[in-house]
Amino acid sequence: MMGAMRANLHKDPTQVASMFDEVAQNYDLTNDVLTFGIDRMWRRATFAAVDARPGQRVLDLAAGTGTSSVPYAEAGIDVVPCDFSEGMVAVGKQRRPDLPFVVGDATALPFANDTFDAVTISFGLRNVVNTARGLAEMFRVTKPGGRVVVCEFSHPPHRGWAALYGFYRDHVLSPLASFVSSNAPAYDYLAESIAQWPDQESLAALMQDVGWRSVAYRNLSGGIAALHRGFKPMR
């Protein structure tokens, strides 16, 4: 059934959440396999870019099972893992009952204004039904002077590398996922969402449009992914 509706998802929140519910149990293993372990390097780069300190509060959006949240907790940072997939959150609570998981929609976050010193989202902004609204919600819940860090798949600027990566994304990723994922067709959606995602400059412009300032980005792995960071102005 998932394969039949894949092309018609159009980021429908209910269907996308259901898709992630189905892959939750093997999600982290599948990510390791599909990226050949490079996803761990991307998580470390994101953690460094957030640059949080003990005692600060960080919202980790699209946290999934909490893998990305663990380094913050271990560093004494008050991290709140949040994901719109109840299945992901359930698996996360089983594995890390010490983390305060929250089920939440990025377009209507269940937090008060000016709550967090930093907000971060890794490989989840593509799945938000309204990207601008999601970025605006992140802005709302961030304290003045705080920051956002977005780690997302992107577009390699080098033509040869882009072609090689495009071939892997479009022709290898989903078949490879079938060996480790309980729902391989979900990764067809993953490949399509990556291909349709805006490039680095376009995302930076969108972040500026909703109020983030000093927006900058840097490429990871030759532009397969990119880190974007912005700051909320002081009042």
Protein backbone atom coordinates (compact mmCIF):
# COMPACT_ATOMS: atom_id res chain seq x y z
CA MET A 1 0.00 0.00 0.00
CA MET A 2 2.79 2.42 0.84
CA GLY A 3 4.27 1.99 -2.61
CA ALA A 4 0.94 2.88 -4.22
CA MET A 5 0.51 6.12 -2.33
CA ARG A 6 4.16 7.16 -2.30
CA ALA A 7 3.94 9.54 -5.25
CA ASN A 8 0.81 11.18 -3.86
CA LEU A 9 2.07 11.97 -0.37
CA HIS A 10 2.67 15.66 -1.12
CA LYS A 11 3.88 15.93 2.47
CA ASP A 12 0.44 15.15 3.88
CA PRO A 13 1.23 15.21 7.63
CA THR A 14 -0.87 12.18 8.54
CA GLN A 15 0.55 9.98 5.79
CA VAL A 16 4.14 11.08 6.36
CA ALA A 17 3.83 10.47 10.11
CA SER A 18 2.37 7.03 9.42
CA MET A 19 5.26 6.26 7.10
CA PHE A 20 7.79 7.12 9.80
CA ASP A 21 5.82 5.12 12.37
CA GLU A 22 6.29 2.05 10.18
CA VAL A 23 10.07 2.43 9.81
CA ALA A 24 10.78 3.52 13.40
CA GLN A 25 12.19 0.24 14.72
CA ASN A 26 15.02 -0.03 12.17
CA TYR A 27 15.29 3.65 11.29
CA ASP A 28 18.71 4.34 12.82
CA LEU A 29 20.23 1.17 11.38
CA THR A 30 18.83 2.00 7.94
CA ASN A 31 20.34 5.49 8.09
CA ASP A 32 23.74 4.04 8.92
CA VAL A 33 23.53 1.62 6.00
CA LEU A 34 22.25 4.12 3.43
CA THR A 35 24.87 6.75 4.31
CA PHE A 36 27.68 4.25 4.97
CA GLY A 37 27.96 5.73 8.46
CA ILE A 38 28.44 9.31 7.25
CA ASP A 39 25.25 10.33 9.08
CA ARG A 40 27.23 10.09 12.32
CA MET A 41 29.68 12.70 11.03
CA TRP A 42 26.75 14.92 10.05
CA ARG A 43 25.30 14.64 13.57
CA ARG A 44 28.64 15.64 15.07
CA ALA A 45 28.86 18.65 12.74
CA THR A 46 25.33 19.70 13.71
CA PHE A 47 26.08 19.38 17.41
CA ALA A 48 29.16 21.58 16.98
CA ALA A 49 27.20 24.18 14.99
CA VAL A 50 24.50 24.41 17.66
CA ASP A 51 27.29 25.19 20.12
CA ALA A 52 25.11 24.76 23.21
CA ARG A 53 26.47 24.96 26.73
CA PRO A 54 25.51 23.10 29.92
CA GLY A 55 22.41 24.70 31.39
CA GLN A 56 21.09 25.90 28.05
CA ARG A 57 17.87 24.52 26.61
CA VAL A 58 17.80 23.00 23.11
CA LEU A 59 14.82 21.85 21.06
CA ASP A 60 15.76 18.94 18.81
CA LEU A 61 13.05 18.77 16.14
CA ALA A 62 12.48 15.71 13.96
CA ALA A 63 14.49 13.92 16.65
CA GLY A 64 13.08 10.54 15.68
CA THR A 65 14.21 7.95 18.21
CA GLY A 66 16.44 10.49 19.96
CA THR A 67 19.80 9.51 18.47
CA SER A 68 20.56 13.14 17.65
CA SER A 69 19.53 14.28 21.15
CA VAL A 70 21.82 12.00 23.14
CA PRO A 71 25.04 14.08 22.74
CA TYR A 72 23.29 17.13 24.20
CA ALA A 73 22.02 15.22 27.21
CA GLU A 74 25.45 13.69 27.78
CA ALA A 75 26.98 17.19 27.71
CA GLY A 76 24.65 18.44 30.44
CA ILE A 77 22.42 20.37 28.06
CA ASP A 78 18.67 20.44 28.65
CA VAL A 79 17.50 18.89 25.38
CA VAL A 80 13.89 18.26 24.36
CA PRO A 81 13.51 15.69 21.55
CA CYS A 82 10.37 16.41 19.52
CA ASP A 83 8.94 14.48 16.58
CA PHE A 84 5.54 14.30 14.88
CA SER A 85 5.75 10.51 14.52
CA GLU A 86 4.27 8.79 17.56
CA GLY A 87 5.99 5.57 16.47
CA MET A 88 9.40 7.20 16.48
CA VAL A 89 8.77 8.75 19.89
CA ALA A 90 7.57 5.42 21.31
CA VAL A 91 10.78 3.68 20.19
CA GLY A 92 12.83 6.59 21.56
CA LYS A 93 11.16 6.41 24.96
CA GLN A 94 11.90 2.69 25.15
CA ARG A 95 15.56 3.21 24.34
CA ARG A 96 16.15 6.43 26.28
CA PRO A 97 13.51 6.84 29.01
CA ASP A 98 15.65 9.58 30.53
CA LEU A 99 14.94 11.95 27.62
CA PRO A 100 11.79 14.13 27.74
CA PHE A 101 10.31 13.17 24.37
CA VAL A 102 7.43 15.25 23.01
CA VAL A 103 5.12 14.50 20.09
CA GLY A 104 4.71 17.73 18.18
CA ASP A 105 4.01 19.26 14.79
CA ALA A 106 6.73 21.63 13.56
CA THR A 107 4.06 23.98 12.13
CA ALA A 108 2.34 24.34 15.53
CA LEU A 109 4.91 23.66 18.21
CA PRO A 110 3.54 22.94 21.71
CA PHE A 111 5.92 25.38 23.40
CA ALA A 112 5.68 28.97 24.60
CA ASN A 113 7.39 31.91 22.93
CA ASP A 114 11.08 32.46 23.70
CA THR A 115 11.60 29.06 25.36
CA PHE A 116 14.81 27.68 23.87
CA ASP A 117 18.38 28.93 23.53
CA ALA A 118 18.68 26.95 20.30
CA VAL A 119 16.48 24.95 17.96
CA THR A 120 17.86 22.36 15.60
CA ILE A 121 16.34 20.05 13.01
CA SER A 122 18.22 17.40 11.06
CA PHE A 123 16.87 15.84 7.87
CA GLY A 124 13.31 16.67 8.87
CA LEU A 125 12.55 20.09 7.43
CA ARG A 126 11.82 18.47 4.04
CA ASN A 127 8.95 16.59 5.65
CA VAL A 128 7.26 19.66 7.14
CA VAL A 129 4.10 20.43 5.18
CA ASN A 130 4.84 24.18 5.15
CA THR A 131 8.56 24.97 5.32
CA ALA A 132 8.15 28.70 5.97
CA ARG A 133 5.64 28.10 8.77
CA GLY A 134 7.95 25.56 10.35
CA LEU A 135 10.88 27.98 10.28
CA ALA A 136 8.62 30.71 11.70
CA GLU A 137 7.56 28.41 14.55
CA MET A 138 11.21 27.67 15.32
CA PHE A 139 11.79 31.43 15.37
CA ARG A 140 8.85 31.94 17.76
CA VAL A 141 10.04 29.44 20.37
CA THR A 142 13.68 30.60 20.26
CA LYS A 143 14.86 33.18 22.79
CA PRO A 144 16.05 36.55 21.45
CA GLY A 145 19.73 36.13 20.66
CA GLY A 146 19.23 32.39 20.22
CA ARG A 147 19.93 30.38 17.11
CA VAL A 148 18.61 27.77 14.73
CA VAL A 149 20.66 25.08 13.01
CA VAL A 150 19.19 23.16 10.09
CA CYS A 151 20.99 20.11 8.74
CA GLU A 152 19.35 18.92 5.54
CA PHE A 153 20.08 17.08 2.34
CA SER A 154 21.04 19.54 -0.37
CA HIS A 155 22.50 19.91 -3.85
CA PRO A 156 26.21 19.31 -4.57
CA PRO A 157 27.57 22.29 -6.53
CA HIS A 158 30.14 20.19 -8.43
CA ARG A 159 28.47 18.79 -11.54
CA GLY A 160 30.25 15.43 -11.54
CA TRP A 161 29.68 14.81 -7.85
CA ALA A 162 26.04 15.88 -8.25
CA ALA A 163 25.55 13.37 -11.06
CA LEU A 164 27.13 10.53 -9.07
CA TYR A 165 25.10 11.36 -6.00
CA GLY A 166 21.92 11.71 -8.09
CA PHE A 167 22.43 8.23 -9.50
CA TYR A 168 22.83 6.79 -6.01
CA ARG A 169 19.79 8.69 -4.71
CA ASP A 170 17.50 7.74 -7.58
CA HIS A 171 18.62 4.19 -8.41
CA VAL A 172 20.48 2.66 -5.45
CA LEU A 173 19.06 4.12 -2.24
CA SER A 174 15.65 2.46 -2.27
CA PRO A 175 16.84 -1.03 -3.34
CA LEU A 176 19.55 -0.89 -0.67
CA ALA A 177 16.96 0.11 1.94
CA SER A 178 14.99 -3.06 1.15
CA PHE A 179 17.67 -5.12 2.88
CA VAL A 180 17.31 -3.43 6.27
CA SER A 181 14.02 -1.51 6.34
CA SER A 182 10.60 -2.94 7.07
CA ASN A 183 9.11 -0.49 4.57
CA ALA A 184 11.49 0.00 1.65
CA PRO A 185 8.98 1.97 -0.49
CA ALA A 186 9.13 4.72 2.14
CA TYR A 187 12.64 5.39 0.89
CA ASP A 188 11.28 6.10 -2.60
CA TYR A 189 9.56 9.05 -0.94
CA LEU A 190 12.85 9.95 0.74
CA ALA A 191 14.66 10.07 -2.60
CA GLU A 192 11.92 12.14 -4.21
CA SER A 193 11.78 14.61 -1.32
CA ILE A 194 15.56 15.12 -1.54
CA ALA A 195 15.47 15.73 -5.29
CA GLN A 196 12.68 18.30 -4.95
CA TRP A 197 14.22 20.17 -2.02
CA PRO A 198 15.46 23.77 -2.60
CA ASP A 199 19.16 24.43 -2.97
CA GLN A 200 21.35 26.03 -0.33
CA GLU A 201 20.81 29.65 -1.38
CA SER A 202 17.05 29.22 -1.64
CA LEU A 203 16.77 27.80 1.86
CA ALA A 204 18.99 30.58 3.25
CA ALA A 205 16.70 33.17 1.62
CA LEU A 206 13.61 31.52 3.10
CA MET A 207 15.17 31.62 6.56
CA GLN A 208 15.86 35.33 6.11
CA ASP A 209 12.27 35.90 5.00
CA VAL A 210 10.79 34.57 8.25
CA GLY A 211 13.08 36.68 10.44
CA TRP A 212 16.33 34.80 11.00
CA ARG A 213 19.42 36.99 10.68
CA SER A 214 23.13 36.41 9.98
CA VAL A 215 22.06 33.34 8.03
CA ALA A 216 24.96 31.30 6.69
CA TYR A 217 25.51 27.77 5.47
CA ARG A 218 28.31 25.34 4.77
CA ASN A 219 28.27 22.17 2.73
CA LEU A 220 28.85 18.72 4.17
CA SER A 221 30.21 15.85 2.07
CA GLY A 222 30.52 18.04 -0.99
CA GLY A 223 26.99 19.38 -0.72
CA ILE A 224 25.11 16.12 -0.25
CA ALA A 225 23.98 17.82 2.94
CA ALA A 226 24.27 21.39 4.17
CA LEU A 227 24.28 23.07 7.56
CA HIS A 228 22.32 26.34 7.79
CA ARG A 229 22.50 28.55 10.87
CA GLY A 230 20.64 31.74 11.75
CA PHE A 231 20.11 33.96 14.79
CA LYS A 232 17.04 35.58 16.32
CA PRO A 233 17.65 39.30 16.81
CA MET A 234 17.67 40.76 20.31
CA ARG A 235 14.63 42.89 20.98
